Amino acid sequence: MSEPHRIAASDLTPAALVDRMLAVADQLGDVIIRETGYLQACEPLKIGELQEQKIRLANEYALDVRAVTLRKDLIDRAPAEKVATLKAAMTKLDSLLRANEVALGAAKSVSERLLKAVANAVSEKKAPVLGYGRNAAIARPAGSSPAAIAHDARV
């Protein structure tokens, strides 16, 4: 199924462009809120369900922002209250993205520490025998007891 043709920013009226940018910013914000919620609820696998929509909305948003950045006249005749609403939505989206970045960073950190703990446990298990210890028993490396891995569900 193909996406419907997207009208270029320059082909829209200023008010229509602001309306479209506002709608995309709101939709993208909703996706970011859901993604951040999944991270905080320790349900990172559900994030995959959002990626296609997130990428599409982020691309649409970026295209319109770039068009307006290059040509301010695209929205300069839009009603001031609509432009003010758009600015507020963009500020809100920026705030949501910063919170999402923190949650993604925390999830990444947890994943990296968990992988490192598993790798360390595996390497300790495979560590070579160091020779003979007390009572002529084969000595094991220090800390060779089975590694315990704990997982705190909070992110």
Protein backbone atom coordinates (compact mmCIF):
# COMPACT_ATOMS: atom_id res chain seq x y z
CA MET A 1 0.00 0.00 0.00
CA SER A 2 1.53 3.33 -1.01
CA GLU A 3 1.26 6.59 0.87
CA PRO A 4 -0.95 9.29 -0.67
CA HIS A 5 0.89 12.03 -2.55
CA ARG A 6 2.09 14.73 -0.19
CA ILE A 7 1.45 18.30 -1.27
CA ALA A 8 4.57 20.48 -1.25
CA ALA A 9 4.65 23.15 1.45
CA SER A 10 4.92 25.86 -1.20
CA ASP A 11 1.65 24.69 -2.79
CA LEU A 12 -0.40 25.15 0.38
CA THR A 13 -1.91 28.34 1.68
CA PRO A 14 -0.11 29.70 4.75
CA ALA A 15 -3.02 28.72 7.02
CA ALA A 16 -3.21 25.22 5.51
CA LEU A 17 0.53 24.74 5.96
CA VAL A 18 0.34 25.80 9.60
CA ASP A 19 -2.62 23.45 10.11
CA ARG A 20 -0.70 20.56 8.55
CA MET A 21 2.42 21.28 10.60
CA LEU A 22 0.30 21.47 13.76
CA ALA A 23 -1.42 18.16 12.99
CA VAL A 24 1.89 16.40 12.26
CA ALA A 25 3.51 17.84 15.41
CA ASP A 26 0.57 16.64 17.52
CA GLN A 27 0.60 13.17 15.96
CA LEU A 28 4.37 12.87 16.36
CA GLY A 29 4.07 14.01 19.97
CA ASP A 30 1.49 11.29 20.62
CA VAL A 31 3.83 8.64 19.18
CA ILE A 32 6.72 9.96 21.30
CA ILE A 33 4.54 9.87 24.43
CA ARG A 34 3.60 6.24 23.70
CA GLU A 35 7.22 5.27 23.03
CA THR A 36 8.41 6.92 26.24
CA GLY A 37 5.61 5.16 28.11
CA TYR A 38 6.70 1.78 26.74
CA LEU A 39 10.25 2.46 27.86
CA GLN A 40 9.16 3.49 31.33
CA ALA A 41 6.90 0.43 31.59
CA CYS A 42 9.81 -1.82 30.59
CA GLU A 43 8.08 -2.88 27.38
CA PRO A 44 10.77 -1.98 24.83
CA LEU A 45 9.62 -4.59 22.32
CA LYS A 46 6.40 -2.64 21.77
CA ILE A 47 8.45 0.29 20.47
CA GLY A 48 8.88 -1.55 17.17
CA GLU A 49 5.16 -1.17 16.54
CA LEU A 50 5.60 2.61 16.48
CA GLN A 51 8.70 2.95 14.32
CA GLU A 52 7.10 3.10 10.88
CA GLN A 53 4.64 5.78 11.97
CA LYS A 54 7.33 7.66 13.92
CA ILE A 55 9.69 7.75 10.94
CA ARG A 56 6.95 8.87 8.55
CA LEU A 57 5.77 11.65 10.85
CA ALA A 58 9.30 12.78 11.68
CA ASN A 59 10.13 13.02 7.98
CA GLU A 60 6.95 14.97 7.20
CA TYR A 61 7.61 17.31 10.10
CA ALA A 62 11.24 17.84 9.08
CA LEU A 63 10.26 18.58 5.46
CA ASP A 64 7.79 21.26 6.50
CA VAL A 65 10.10 22.80 9.08
CA ARG A 66 12.90 22.94 6.52
CA ALA A 67 10.61 24.52 3.93
CA VAL A 68 9.53 27.21 6.39
CA THR A 69 13.11 27.75 7.53
CA LEU A 70 14.20 28.35 3.94
CA ARG A 71 11.14 30.44 3.06
CA LYS A 72 9.56 32.31 5.95
CA ASP A 73 6.97 33.72 3.54
CA LEU A 74 5.27 30.32 3.46
CA ILE A 75 3.58 31.06 6.80
CA ASP A 76 3.95 34.82 7.23
CA ARG A 77 0.36 35.43 6.10
CA ALA A 78 -1.13 32.76 8.36
CA PRO A 79 -3.32 33.99 11.23
CA ALA A 80 -1.18 34.98 14.21
CA GLU A 81 -3.13 32.76 16.62
CA LYS A 82 -2.47 29.71 14.42
CA VAL A 83 1.24 30.50 14.27
CA ALA A 84 1.28 30.95 18.07
CA THR A 85 -0.44 27.58 18.48
CA LEU A 86 2.13 26.00 16.16
CA LYS A 87 5.01 27.51 18.13
CA ALA A 88 3.52 26.13 21.36
CA ALA A 89 3.11 22.69 19.76
CA MET A 90 6.72 22.77 18.54
CA THR A 91 7.93 23.69 22.04
CA LYS A 92 5.86 20.86 23.53
CA LEU A 93 7.24 18.41 20.96
CA ASP A 94 10.78 19.49 21.78
CA SER A 95 10.11 18.84 25.47
CA LEU A 96 8.64 15.41 24.71
CA LEU A 97 11.66 14.55 22.58
CA ARG A 98 14.04 15.50 25.40
CA ALA A 99 12.15 13.24 27.84
CA ASN A 100 12.18 10.47 25.24
CA GLU A 101 15.93 10.90 24.80
CA VAL A 102 16.44 10.46 28.55
CA ALA A 103 14.29 7.30 28.58
CA LEU A 104 16.10 5.87 25.54
CA GLY A 105 19.46 6.64 27.17
CA ALA A 106 18.41 4.88 30.36
CA ALA A 107 17.20 1.83 28.42
CA LYS A 108 20.45 1.74 26.47
CA SER A 109 22.48 1.96 29.66
CA VAL A 110 20.52 -0.86 31.28
CA SER A 111 20.93 -3.03 28.18
CA GLU A 112 24.66 -2.40 28.00
CA ARG A 113 25.17 -3.18 31.70
CA LEU A 114 23.11 -6.35 31.40
CA LEU A 115 25.09 -7.52 28.38
CA LYS A 116 28.35 -6.73 30.14
CA ALA A 117 27.27 -8.69 33.22
CA VAL A 118 26.31 -11.68 31.05
CA ALA A 119 29.60 -11.49 29.13
CA ASN A 120 31.57 -11.29 32.38
CA ALA A 121 29.69 -14.25 33.82
CA VAL A 122 30.37 -16.30 30.70
CA SER A 123 34.06 -15.39 30.63
CA GLU A 124 34.46 -16.22 34.34
CA LYS A 125 32.84 -19.59 33.76
CA LYS A 126 35.26 -20.31 30.92
CA ALA A 127 38.33 -18.99 32.78
CA PRO A 128 41.21 -21.44 32.86
CA VAL A 129 42.07 -23.39 35.99
CA LEU A 130 44.91 -21.69 37.84
CA GLY A 131 46.64 -24.76 39.25
CA TYR A 132 46.55 -26.53 42.60
CA GLY A 133 45.18 -24.93 45.72
CA ARG A 134 44.80 -26.14 49.31
CA ASN A 135 44.81 -29.84 49.92
CA ALA A 136 46.08 -30.41 46.38
CA ALA A 137 42.64 -29.55 44.96
CA ILE A 138 42.45 -27.81 41.63
CA ALA A 139 42.07 -24.10 42.31
CA ARG A 140 39.47 -21.97 40.56
CA PRO A 141 40.01 -18.30 39.73
CA ALA A 142 38.99 -15.77 42.36
CA GLY A 143 35.34 -14.91 42.11
CA SER A 144 34.53 -18.04 40.19
CA SER A 145 31.29 -18.68 41.97
CA PRO A 146 28.25 -18.55 39.75
CA ALA A 147 27.45 -14.99 38.79
CA ALA A 148 24.14 -13.61 39.88
CA ILE A 149 22.38 -11.20 37.59
CA ALA A 150 19.62 -9.05 38.98
CA HIS A 151 17.29 -6.96 36.91
CA ASP A 152 15.58 -3.89 38.34
CA ALA A 153 12.49 -3.17 36.29
CA ARG A 154 12.71 0.58 36.81
CA VAL A 155 14.18 2.70 34.05
